[in-house]
Protein backbone atom coordinates (compact mmCIF):
# COMPACT_ATOMS: atom_id res chain seq x y z
CA MET A 1 -22.47 -16.95 5.31
CA ARG A 2 -25.81 -17.28 6.99
CA LEU A 3 -27.82 -14.09 7.41
CA SER A 4 -30.90 -13.72 9.55
CA ARG A 5 -34.26 -13.02 7.95
CA ASP A 6 -34.18 -9.52 9.44
CA LYS A 7 -30.80 -8.76 7.87
CA LEU A 8 -31.95 -10.09 4.50
CA ASN A 9 -35.06 -7.92 4.71
CA LYS A 10 -32.95 -4.87 5.59
CA LEU A 11 -30.66 -5.54 2.61
CA ALA A 12 -33.67 -6.00 0.34
CA HIS A 13 -35.05 -2.64 1.51
CA VAL A 14 -31.72 -0.99 0.74
CA VAL A 15 -31.68 -2.55 -2.74
CA ALA A 16 -35.26 -1.47 -3.50
CA ASP A 17 -34.69 2.04 -2.15
CA THR A 18 -31.46 2.45 -4.09
CA LEU A 19 -33.10 1.27 -7.30
CA ALA A 20 -36.03 3.64 -6.72
CA GLU A 21 -33.62 6.57 -6.39
CA THR A 22 -31.78 5.67 -9.61
CA ASP A 23 -32.95 7.69 -12.61
CA GLU A 24 -32.14 4.86 -15.03
CA CYS A 25 -34.44 2.46 -13.20
CA GLU A 26 -38.20 2.37 -13.55
CA PHE A 27 -40.33 -0.05 -11.52
CA LEU A 28 -42.98 -2.03 -13.34
CA ASP A 29 -44.25 -3.37 -10.01
CA ASP A 30 -44.66 -1.76 -6.61
CA ARG A 31 -41.63 -1.31 -4.36
CA ASN A 32 -42.71 -4.08 -1.97
CA THR A 33 -42.76 -6.63 -4.80
CA ILE A 34 -39.29 -5.50 -5.84
CA ARG A 35 -38.10 -5.82 -2.25
CA GLN A 36 -39.51 -9.35 -1.96
CA GLU A 37 -37.88 -10.42 -5.21
CA ALA A 38 -34.55 -8.96 -4.09
CA ARG A 39 -34.81 -10.94 -0.84
CA LYS A 40 -35.61 -14.14 -2.73
CA ALA A 41 -32.65 -13.60 -5.05
CA MET A 42 -30.29 -13.03 -2.12
CA GLU A 43 -31.63 -16.12 -0.33
CA LYS A 44 -31.00 -18.18 -3.46
CA VAL A 45 -27.43 -16.89 -3.82
CA LEU A 46 -26.68 -17.52 -0.14
CA THR A 47 -28.13 -21.04 -0.35
CA GLU A 48 -25.96 -21.83 -3.37
CA GLU A 49 -22.91 -20.40 -1.60
CA MET A 50 -23.63 -22.58 1.42
CA LYS A 51 -23.81 -25.68 -0.79
CA ILE A 52 -20.51 -24.77 -2.46
CA ASP A 53 -18.89 -24.22 0.94
CA GLN A 54 -20.18 -27.59 2.18
CA ALA A 55 -18.89 -29.40 -0.91
CA ALA A 56 -15.43 -27.84 -0.55
CA ARG A 57 -15.28 -28.77 3.14
CA LEU A 58 -16.37 -32.36 2.43
CA LYS A 59 -13.61 -32.73 -0.16
CA ILE A 60 -11.03 -31.55 2.35
CA ALA A 61 -12.41 -33.86 5.03
CA SER A 62 -12.22 -36.83 2.66
CA GLN A 63 -8.44 -36.51 2.26
CA ARG A 64 -6.39 -39.39 3.65
CA LYS A 65 -4.29 -36.98 5.63
CA ILE A 66 -5.96 -34.93 8.35
CA ILE A 67 -5.80 -31.28 7.34
CA VAL A 68 -6.41 -28.80 10.13
CA GLU A 69 -8.82 -25.98 9.32
CA GLY A 70 -7.03 -22.66 9.39
CA SER A 71 -3.73 -24.09 8.24
CA GLN A 72 -2.14 -22.82 5.04
CA GLU A 73 -2.72 -26.20 3.36
CA TRP A 74 -6.42 -26.15 4.33
CA ASP A 75 -6.84 -22.60 3.01
CA ILE A 76 -5.21 -23.48 -0.31
CA LEU A 77 -7.33 -26.63 -0.75
CA TYR A 78 -10.49 -24.79 0.30
CA ARG A 79 -9.96 -22.07 -2.31
CA LYS A 80 -9.18 -24.67 -4.98
CA TYR A 81 -12.20 -26.86 -4.21
CA TYR A 82 -14.48 -23.85 -3.73
CA ASN A 83 -13.49 -22.46 -7.14
CA ASP A 84 -13.93 -25.92 -8.71
CA GLU A 85 -17.50 -26.06 -7.37
CA VAL A 86 -18.24 -22.56 -8.62
CA ARG A 87 -17.01 -23.52 -12.08
CA LYS A 88 -19.19 -26.66 -12.03
CA LEU A 89 -22.25 -24.45 -11.49
CA GLY A 90 -21.22 -22.18 -14.33
CA PHE A 91 -20.66 -19.01 -12.32
């Protein structure tokens, strides 16, 4: 899923604010640095997810038989290939 920069920043603010309110959490850096690192981490995860999605879709498209997106067969293959790609990355 692709999120806009504004939405990622909003999520990063929520993460930083929630961590700041948690008694078990103590910041070693200022809240803005924490927010920026949270945004970077989310961007990295979303980029990896996009690559996994692309790889799964390419595998389906490379089948001899045309498989229509949204069909039960496509959904089954997508989940299988998606999970295979996740396992390859060690997640």
